[in-house]
Amino acid sequence: PDTREARRFLTGPRGCEITGACMTPDGNTLFVNVQHPGEAGAVGVDPARPRSVSNWPDHRPDGRPRSATLAIRRVDGGPVGT
């Protein structure tokens, strides 16, 4: 739509990159990749303790951060981003 406003609808875990955004032809599903959550070398990450920053996507106390692909859809089934 031509509203000329931007609104944030997606953020990733600390230290990650959101990459590879791809929309289905009907606009109802947006696929994105979450890469390197809690990766050593990111600001504030202790390589010996990767869970100190992120344990995404499982959120378990013993879970290690892992990359993932997400499929984002609207609850009402309409096009994403409108």
PDB file of N, CA and C in Angstrom:
ATOM      1  N   PRO A   1       0.828  -1.206   0.000  1.00  0.00           N
ATOM      2  CA  PRO A   1       0.000   0.000   0.000  1.00  0.00           C
ATOM      3  C   PRO A   1       0.863   1.256   0.000  1.00  0.00           C
ATOM      4  N   ASP A   2       0.308   2.319  -0.448  1.00  0.00           N
ATOM      5  CA  ASP A   2       1.046   3.573  -0.572  1.00  0.00           C
ATOM      6  C   ASP A   2       0.820   4.458   0.649  1.00  0.00           C
ATOM      7  N   THR A   3       1.220   3.980   1.831  1.00  0.00           N
ATOM      8  CA  THR A   3       1.042   4.756   3.059  1.00  0.00           C
ATOM      9  C   THR A   3       2.270   5.586   3.388  1.00  0.00           C
ATOM     10  N   ARG A   4       3.378   5.288   2.753  1.00  0.00           N
ATOM     11  CA  ARG A   4       4.650   5.981   2.982  1.00  0.00           C
ATOM     12  C   ARG A   4       5.129   5.866   4.424  1.00  0.00           C
ATOM     13  N   GLU A   5       4.779   4.788   5.092  1.00  0.00           N
ATOM     14  CA  GLU A   5       5.288   4.567   6.439  1.00  0.00           C
ATOM     15  C   GLU A   5       5.892   3.174   6.520  1.00  0.00           C
ATOM     16  N   ALA A   6       6.935   3.078   7.307  1.00  0.00           N
ATOM     17  CA  ALA A   6       7.583   1.786   7.530  1.00  0.00           C
ATOM     18  C   ALA A   6       7.329   1.369   8.969  1.00  0.00           C
ATOM     19  N   ARG A   7       7.001   0.086   9.141  1.00  0.00           N
ATOM     20  CA  ARG A   7       6.792  -0.447  10.485  1.00  0.00           C
ATOM     21  C   ARG A   7       7.559  -1.752  10.612  1.00  0.00           C
ATOM     22  N   ARG A   8       8.258  -1.916  11.707  1.00  0.00           N
ATOM     23  CA  ARG A   8       9.021  -3.137  11.946  1.00  0.00           C
ATOM     24  C   ARG A   8       8.058  -4.248  12.350  1.00  0.00           C
ATOM     25  N   PHE A   9       8.199  -5.404  11.722  1.00  0.00           N
ATOM     26  CA  PHE A   9       7.379  -6.540  12.114  1.00  0.00           C
ATOM     27  C   PHE A   9       8.218  -7.781  12.383  1.00  0.00           C
ATOM     28  N   LEU A  10       9.531  -7.684  12.246  1.00  0.00           N
ATOM     29  CA  LEU A  10      10.395  -8.843  12.445  1.00  0.00           C
ATOM     30  C   LEU A  10      11.721  -8.392  13.037  1.00  0.00           C
ATOM     31  N   THR A  11      12.129  -9.041  14.089  1.00  0.00           N
ATOM     32  CA  THR A  11      13.472  -8.874  14.623  1.00  0.00           C
ATOM     33  C   THR A  11      14.029 -10.263  14.870  1.00  0.00           C
ATOM     34  N   GLY A  12      15.323 -10.374  14.901  1.00  0.00           N
ATOM     35  CA  GLY A  12      15.954 -11.672  15.120  1.00  0.00           C
ATOM     36  C   GLY A  12      16.635 -11.738  16.466  1.00  0.00           C
ATOM     37  N   PRO A  13      17.081 -12.929  16.846  1.00  0.00           N
ATOM     38  CA  PRO A  13      17.811 -13.079  18.096  1.00  0.00           C
ATOM     39  C   PRO A  13      19.120 -12.289  18.058  1.00  0.00           C
ATOM     40  N   ARG A  14      19.625 -11.954  19.205  1.00  0.00           N
ATOM     41  CA  ARG A  14      20.857 -11.164  19.309  1.00  0.00           C
ATOM     42  C   ARG A  14      22.008 -11.843  18.573  1.00  0.00           C
ATOM     43  N   GLY A  15      22.739 -11.056  17.800  1.00  0.00           N
ATOM     44  CA  GLY A  15      23.909 -11.542  17.094  1.00  0.00           C
ATOM     45  C   GLY A  15      23.618 -12.222  15.769  1.00  0.00           C
ATOM     46  N   CYS A  16      22.355 -12.272  15.342  1.00  0.00           N
ATOM     47  CA  CYS A  16      22.029 -12.999  14.106  1.00  0.00           C
ATOM     48  C   CYS A  16      22.005 -12.068  12.902  1.00  0.00           C
ATOM     49  N   GLU A  17      21.853 -12.680  11.739  1.00  0.00           N
ATOM     50  CA  GLU A  17      21.570 -11.970  10.495  1.00  0.00           C
ATOM     51  C   GLU A  17      20.233 -12.487   9.995  1.00  0.00           C
ATOM     52  N   ILE A  18      19.354 -11.602   9.545  1.00  0.00           N
ATOM     53  CA  ILE A  18      18.131 -12.002   8.850  1.00  0.00           C
ATOM     54  C   ILE A  18      18.467 -11.920   7.368  1.00  0.00           C
ATOM     55  N   THR A  19      18.351 -13.036   6.651  1.00  0.00           N
ATOM     56  CA  THR A  19      18.786 -13.086   5.253  1.00  0.00           C
ATOM     57  C   THR A  19      17.755 -13.808   4.391  1.00  0.00           C
ATOM     58  N   GLY A  20      17.953 -13.715   3.091  1.00  0.00           N
ATOM     59  CA  GLY A  20      17.230 -14.534   2.123  1.00  0.00           C
ATOM     60  C   GLY A  20      15.735 -14.353   2.092  1.00  0.00           C
ATOM     61  N   ALA A  21      15.241 -13.147   2.339  1.00  0.00           N
ATOM     62  CA  ALA A  21      13.793 -12.936   2.314  1.00  0.00           C
ATOM     63  C   ALA A  21      13.234 -13.273   0.939  1.00  0.00           C
ATOM     64  N   CYS A  22      12.181 -14.085   0.933  1.00  0.00           N
ATOM     65  CA  CYS A  22      11.566 -14.518  -0.322  1.00  0.00           C
ATOM     66  C   CYS A  22      10.062 -14.672  -0.100  1.00  0.00           C
ATOM     67  N   MET A  23       9.267 -14.050  -0.951  1.00  0.00           N
ATOM     68  CA  MET A  23       7.813 -14.061  -0.831  1.00  0.00           C
ATOM     69  C   MET A  23       7.217 -15.068  -1.815  1.00  0.00           C
ATOM     70  N   THR A  24       6.162 -15.754  -1.400  1.00  0.00           N
ATOM     71  CA  THR A  24       5.444 -16.624  -2.329  1.00  0.00           C
ATOM     72  C   THR A  24       4.733 -15.746  -3.357  1.00  0.00           C
ATOM     73  N   PRO A  25       4.435 -16.285  -4.550  1.00  0.00           N
ATOM     74  CA  PRO A  25       3.807 -15.469  -5.592  1.00  0.00           C
ATOM     75  C   PRO A  25       2.495 -14.802  -5.156  1.00  0.00           C
ATOM     76  N   ASP A  26       1.731 -15.445  -4.271  1.00  0.00           N
ATOM     77  CA  ASP A  26       0.466 -14.842  -3.828  1.00  0.00           C
ATOM     78  C   ASP A  26       0.650 -13.824  -2.705  1.00  0.00           C
ATOM     79  N   GLY A  27       1.878 -13.681  -2.191  1.00  0.00           N
ATOM     80  CA  GLY A  27       2.163 -12.705  -1.143  1.00  0.00           C
ATOM     81  C   GLY A  27       1.709 -13.113   0.249  1.00  0.00           C
ATOM     82  N   ASN A  28       1.244 -14.342   0.408  1.00  0.00           N
ATOM     83  CA  ASN A  28       0.703 -14.771   1.699  1.00  0.00           C
ATOM     84  C   ASN A  28       1.724 -15.397   2.640  1.00  0.00           C
ATOM     85  N   THR A  29       2.912 -15.713   2.153  1.00  0.00           N
ATOM     86  CA  THR A  29       3.954 -16.288   3.009  1.00  0.00           C
ATOM     87  C   THR A  29       5.288 -15.635   2.679  1.00  0.00           C
ATOM     88  N   LEU A  30       5.994 -15.218   3.724  1.00  0.00           N
ATOM     89  CA  LEU A  30       7.335 -14.665   3.587  1.00  0.00           C
ATOM     90  C   LEU A  30       8.299 -15.629   4.258  1.00  0.00           C
ATOM     91  N   PHE A  31       9.287 -16.098   3.529  1.00  0.00           N
ATOM     92  CA  PHE A  31      10.325 -16.964   4.083  1.00  0.00           C
ATOM     93  C   PHE A  31      11.556 -16.112   4.375  1.00  0.00           C
ATOM     94  N   VAL A  32      12.139 -16.285   5.553  1.00  0.00           N
ATOM     95  CA  VAL A  32      13.385 -15.609   5.916  1.00  0.00           C
ATOM     96  C   VAL A  32      14.284 -16.604   6.633  1.00  0.00           C
ATOM     97  N   ASN A  33      15.573 -16.362   6.561  1.00  0.00           N
ATOM     98  CA  ASN A  33      16.550 -17.192   7.260  1.00  0.00           C
ATOM     99  C   ASN A  33      17.127 -16.415   8.436  1.00  0.00           C
ATOM    100  N   VAL A  34      17.306 -17.115   9.545  1.00  0.00           N
ATOM    101  CA  VAL A  34      17.983 -16.568  10.717  1.00  0.00           C
ATOM    102  C   VAL A  34      19.330 -17.274  10.768  1.00  0.00           C
ATOM    103  N   GLN A  35      20.396 -16.524  10.516  1.00  0.00           N
ATOM    104  CA  GLN A  35      21.730 -17.117  10.472  1.00  0.00           C
ATOM    105  C   GLN A  35      22.572 -16.621  11.636  1.00  0.00           C
ATOM    106  N   HIS A  36      23.373 -17.514  12.162  1.00  0.00           N
ATOM    107  CA  HIS A  36      24.404 -17.221  13.163  1.00  0.00           C
ATOM    108  C   HIS A  36      23.898 -16.633  14.480  1.00  0.00           C
ATOM    109  N   PRO A  37      22.746 -17.071  15.025  1.00  0.00           N
ATOM    110  CA  PRO A  37      22.352 -16.515  16.324  1.00  0.00           C
ATOM    111  C   PRO A  37      23.364 -16.920  17.393  1.00  0.00           C
ATOM    112  N   GLY A  38      23.834 -15.964  18.160  1.00  0.00           N
ATOM    113  CA  GLY A  38      24.788 -16.252  19.226  1.00  0.00           C
ATOM    114  C   GLY A  38      26.153 -16.692  18.753  1.00  0.00           C
ATOM    115  N   GLU A  39      26.490 -16.392  17.496  1.00  0.00           N
ATOM    116  CA  GLU A  39      27.759 -16.860  16.931  1.00  0.00           C
ATOM    117  C   GLU A  39      28.961 -16.210  17.608  1.00  0.00           C
ATOM    118  N   ALA A  40      29.989 -17.006  17.815  1.00  0.00           N
ATOM    119  CA  ALA A  40      31.241 -16.473  18.354  1.00  0.00           C
ATOM    120  C   ALA A  40      31.739 -15.370  17.428  1.00  0.00           C
ATOM    121  N   GLY A  41      32.199 -14.298  18.003  1.00  0.00           N
ATOM    122  CA  GLY A  41      32.659 -13.162  17.215  1.00  0.00           C
ATOM    123  C   GLY A  41      31.641 -12.035  17.177  1.00  0.00           C
ATOM    124  N   ALA A  42      30.375 -12.345  17.453  1.00  0.00           N
ATOM    125  CA  ALA A  42      29.372 -11.286  17.526  1.00  0.00           C
ATOM    126  C   ALA A  42      29.617 -10.478  18.802  1.00  0.00           C
ATOM    127  N   VAL A  43      29.190  -9.255  18.798  1.00  0.00           N
ATOM    128  CA  VAL A  43      29.395  -8.377  19.951  1.00  0.00           C
ATOM    129  C   VAL A  43      28.757  -8.989  21.194  1.00  0.00           C
ATOM    130  N   GLY A  44      29.526  -9.092  22.258  1.00  0.00           N
ATOM    131  CA  GLY A  44      29.012  -9.585  23.526  1.00  0.00           C
ATOM    132  C   GLY A  44      28.936 -11.088  23.665  1.00  0.00           C
ATOM    133  N   VAL A  45      29.464 -11.849  22.695  1.00  0.00           N
ATOM    134  CA  VAL A  45      29.376 -13.310  22.747  1.00  0.00           C
ATOM    135  C   VAL A  45      30.697 -13.897  23.221  1.00  0.00           C
ATOM    136  N   ASP A  46      30.636 -14.711  24.248  1.00  0.00           N
ATOM    137  CA  ASP A  46      31.797 -15.452  24.735  1.00  0.00           C
ATOM    138  C   ASP A  46      31.828 -16.778  23.977  1.00  0.00           C
ATOM    139  N   PRO A  47      32.844 -17.033  23.130  1.00  0.00           N
ATOM    140  CA  PRO A  47      32.883 -18.263  22.334  1.00  0.00           C
ATOM    141  C   PRO A  47      32.763 -19.535  23.170  1.00  0.00           C
ATOM    142  N   ALA A  48      33.205 -19.495  24.414  1.00  0.00           N
ATOM    143  CA  ALA A  48      33.119 -20.675  25.272  1.00  0.00           C
ATOM    144  C   ALA A  48      31.710 -20.880  25.821  1.00  0.00           C
ATOM    145  N   ARG A  49      30.871 -19.833  25.727  1.00  0.00           N
ATOM    146  CA  ARG A  49      29.517 -19.915  26.277  1.00  0.00           C
ATOM    147  C   ARG A  49      28.508 -19.322  25.294  1.00  0.00           C
ATOM    148  N   PRO A  50      28.230 -19.983  24.171  1.00  0.00           N
ATOM    149  CA  PRO A  50      27.327 -19.399  23.175  1.00  0.00           C
ATOM    150  C   PRO A  50      25.916 -19.160  23.704  1.00  0.00           C
ATOM    151  N   ARG A  51      25.488 -19.927  24.698  1.00  0.00           N
ATOM    152  CA  ARG A  51      24.141 -19.742  25.246  1.00  0.00           C
ATOM    153  C   ARG A  51      24.036 -18.487  26.114  1.00  0.00           C
ATOM    154  N   SER A  52      25.179 -17.851  26.409  1.00  0.00           N
ATOM    155  CA  SER A  52      25.126 -16.640  27.230  1.00  0.00           C
ATOM    156  C   SER A  52      24.389 -15.510  26.512  1.00  0.00           C
ATOM    157  N   VAL A  53      24.296 -15.576  25.204  1.00  0.00           N
ATOM    158  CA  VAL A  53      23.620 -14.553  24.415  1.00  0.00           C
ATOM    159  C   VAL A  53      22.322 -15.068  23.815  1.00  0.00           C
ATOM    160  N   SER A  54      22.304 -16.324  23.359  1.00  0.00           N
ATOM    161  CA  SER A  54      21.119 -16.842  22.676  1.00  0.00           C
ATOM    162  C   SER A  54      21.032 -18.353  22.826  1.00  0.00           C
ATOM    163  N   ASN A  55      19.821 -18.839  23.013  1.00  0.00           N
ATOM    164  CA  ASN A  55      19.559 -20.275  22.915  1.00  0.00           C
ATOM    165  C   ASN A  55      18.384 -20.491  21.965  1.00  0.00           C
ATOM    166  N   TRP A  56      18.279 -19.595  21.002  1.00  0.00           N
ATOM    167  CA  TRP A  56      17.227 -19.638  19.996  1.00  0.00           C
ATOM    168  C   TRP A  56      17.511 -20.775  19.024  1.00  0.00           C
ATOM    169  N   PRO A  57      16.578 -21.544  18.532  1.00  0.00           N
ATOM    170  CA  PRO A  57      15.132 -21.356  18.608  1.00  0.00           C
ATOM    171  C   PRO A  57      14.431 -22.174  19.695  1.00  0.00           C
ATOM    172  N   ASP A  58      15.135 -23.043  20.395  1.00  0.00           N
ATOM    173  CA  ASP A  58      14.472 -23.917  21.369  1.00  0.00           C
ATOM    174  C   ASP A  58      14.198 -23.244  22.705  1.00  0.00           C
ATOM    175  N   HIS A  59      15.019 -22.269  23.080  1.00  0.00           N
ATOM    176  CA  HIS A  59      14.904 -21.554  24.359  1.00  0.00           C
ATOM    177  C   HIS A  59      15.054 -22.473  25.567  1.00  0.00           C
ATOM    178  N   ARG A  60      15.679 -23.625  25.378  1.00  0.00           N
ATOM    179  CA  ARG A  60      15.949 -24.528  26.505  1.00  0.00           C
ATOM    180  C   ARG A  60      17.226 -24.073  27.197  1.00  0.00           C
ATOM    181  N   PRO A  61      17.333 -24.268  28.509  1.00  0.00           N
ATOM    182  CA  PRO A  61      18.548 -23.861  29.220  1.00  0.00           C
ATOM    183  C   PRO A  61      19.814 -24.520  28.669  1.00  0.00           C
ATOM    184  N   ASP A  62      19.687 -25.744  28.147  1.00  0.00           N
ATOM    185  CA  ASP A  62      20.853 -26.437  27.596  1.00  0.00           C
ATOM    186  C   ASP A  62      20.901 -26.350  26.070  1.00  0.00           C
ATOM    187  N   GLY A  63      20.011 -25.558  25.462  1.00  0.00           N
ATOM    188  CA  GLY A  63      19.946 -25.461  24.003  1.00  0.00           C
ATOM    189  C   GLY A  63      21.018 -24.556  23.430  1.00  0.00           C
ATOM    190  N   ARG A  64      21.605 -24.975  22.321  1.00  0.00           N
ATOM    191  CA  ARG A  64      22.595 -24.150  21.625  1.00  0.00           C
ATOM    192  C   ARG A  64      21.889 -23.339  20.550  1.00  0.00           C
ATOM    193  N   PRO A  65      22.371 -22.137  20.262  1.00  0.00           N
ATOM    194  CA  PRO A  65      21.769 -21.349  19.193  1.00  0.00           C
ATOM    195  C   PRO A  65      21.976 -22.033  17.847  1.00  0.00           C
ATOM    196  N   ARG A  66      20.921 -22.010  17.004  1.00  0.00           N
ATOM    197  CA  ARG A  66      20.996 -22.645  15.685  1.00  0.00           C
ATOM    198  C   ARG A  66      20.312 -21.777  14.644  1.00  0.00           C
ATOM    199  N   SER A  67      20.804 -21.869  13.430  1.00  0.00           N
ATOM    200  CA  SER A  67      20.176 -21.176  12.310  1.00  0.00           C
ATOM    201  C   SER A  67      18.864 -21.868  11.967  1.00  0.00           C
ATOM    202  N   ALA A  68      17.964 -21.136  11.297  1.00  0.00           N
ATOM    203  CA  ALA A  68      16.669 -21.705  10.926  1.00  0.00           C
ATOM    204  C   ALA A  68      16.065 -20.901   9.787  1.00  0.00           C
ATOM    205  N   THR A  69      15.098 -21.503   9.109  1.00  0.00           N
ATOM    206  CA  THR A  69      14.286 -20.818   8.111  1.00  0.00           C
ATOM    207  C   THR A  69      12.887 -20.664   8.689  1.00  0.00           C
ATOM    208  N   LEU A  70      12.335 -19.465   8.593  1.00  0.00           N
ATOM    209  CA  LEU A  70      11.002 -19.178   9.110  1.00  0.00           C
ATOM    210  C   LEU A  70      10.035 -18.937   7.966  1.00  0.00           C
ATOM    211  N   ALA A  71       8.801 -19.379   8.130  1.00  0.00           N
ATOM    212  CA  ALA A  71       7.708 -19.057   7.218  1.00  0.00           C
ATOM    213  C   ALA A  71       6.762 -18.142   7.990  1.00  0.00           C
ATOM    214  N   ILE A  72       6.573 -16.926   7.516  1.00  0.00           N
ATOM    215  CA  ILE A  72       5.760 -15.929   8.205  1.00  0.00           C
ATOM    216  C   ILE A  72       4.461 -15.739   7.438  1.00  0.00           C
ATOM    217  N   ARG A  73       3.343 -15.885   8.159  1.00  0.00           N
ATOM    218  CA  ARG A  73       2.014 -15.707   7.568  1.00  0.00           C
ATOM    219  C   ARG A  73       1.171 -14.828   8.480  1.00  0.00           C
ATOM    220  N   ARG A  74       0.194 -14.165   7.914  1.00  0.00           N
ATOM    221  CA  ARG A  74      -0.744 -13.381   8.714  1.00  0.00           C
ATOM    222  C   ARG A  74      -1.800 -14.297   9.316  1.00  0.00           C
ATOM    223  N   VAL A  75      -2.270 -13.961  10.499  1.00  0.00           N
ATOM    224  CA  VAL A  75      -3.313 -14.744  11.162  1.00  0.00           C
ATOM    225  C   VAL A  75      -4.588 -14.755  10.325  1.00  0.00           C
ATOM    226  N   ASP A  76      -4.914 -13.631   9.683  1.00  0.00           N
ATOM    227  CA  ASP A  76      -6.149 -13.559   8.897  1.00  0.00           C
ATOM    228  C   ASP A  76      -5.995 -14.116   7.483  1.00  0.00           C
ATOM    229  N   GLY A  77      -4.796 -14.621   7.144  1.00  0.00           N
ATOM    230  CA  GLY A  77      -4.579 -15.227   5.834  1.00  0.00           C
ATOM    231  C   GLY A  77      -4.305 -14.248   4.710  1.00  0.00           C
ATOM    232  N   GLY A  78      -4.279 -12.965   4.994  1.00  0.00           N
ATOM    233  CA  GLY A  78      -4.038 -11.960   3.964  1.00  0.00           C
ATOM    234  C   GLY A  78      -2.570 -11.848   3.608  1.00  0.00           C
ATOM    235  N   PRO A  79      -2.262 -10.977   2.653  1.00  0.00           N
ATOM    236  CA  PRO A  79      -0.875 -10.786   2.238  1.00  0.00           C
ATOM    237  C   PRO A  79      -0.005 -10.237   3.372  1.00  0.00           C
ATOM    238  N   VAL A  80       1.215 -10.732   3.470  1.00  0.00           N
ATOM    239  CA  VAL A  80       2.166 -10.268   4.476  1.00  0.00           C
ATOM    240  C   VAL A  80       2.604  -8.850   4.110  1.00  0.00           C
ATOM    241  N   GLY A  81       2.662  -7.975   5.102  1.00  0.00           N
ATOM    242  CA  GLY A  81       3.160  -6.621   4.885  1.00  0.00           C
ATOM    243  C   GLY A  81       2.102  -5.604   4.539  1.00  0.00           C
ATOM    244  N   THR A  82       0.835  -5.980   4.646  1.00  0.00           N
ATOM    245  CA  THR A  82      -0.228  -5.002   4.360  1.00  0.00           C
ATOM    246  C   THR A  82      -1.043  -4.744   5.596  1.00  0.00           C
TER     247      THR A  82
END
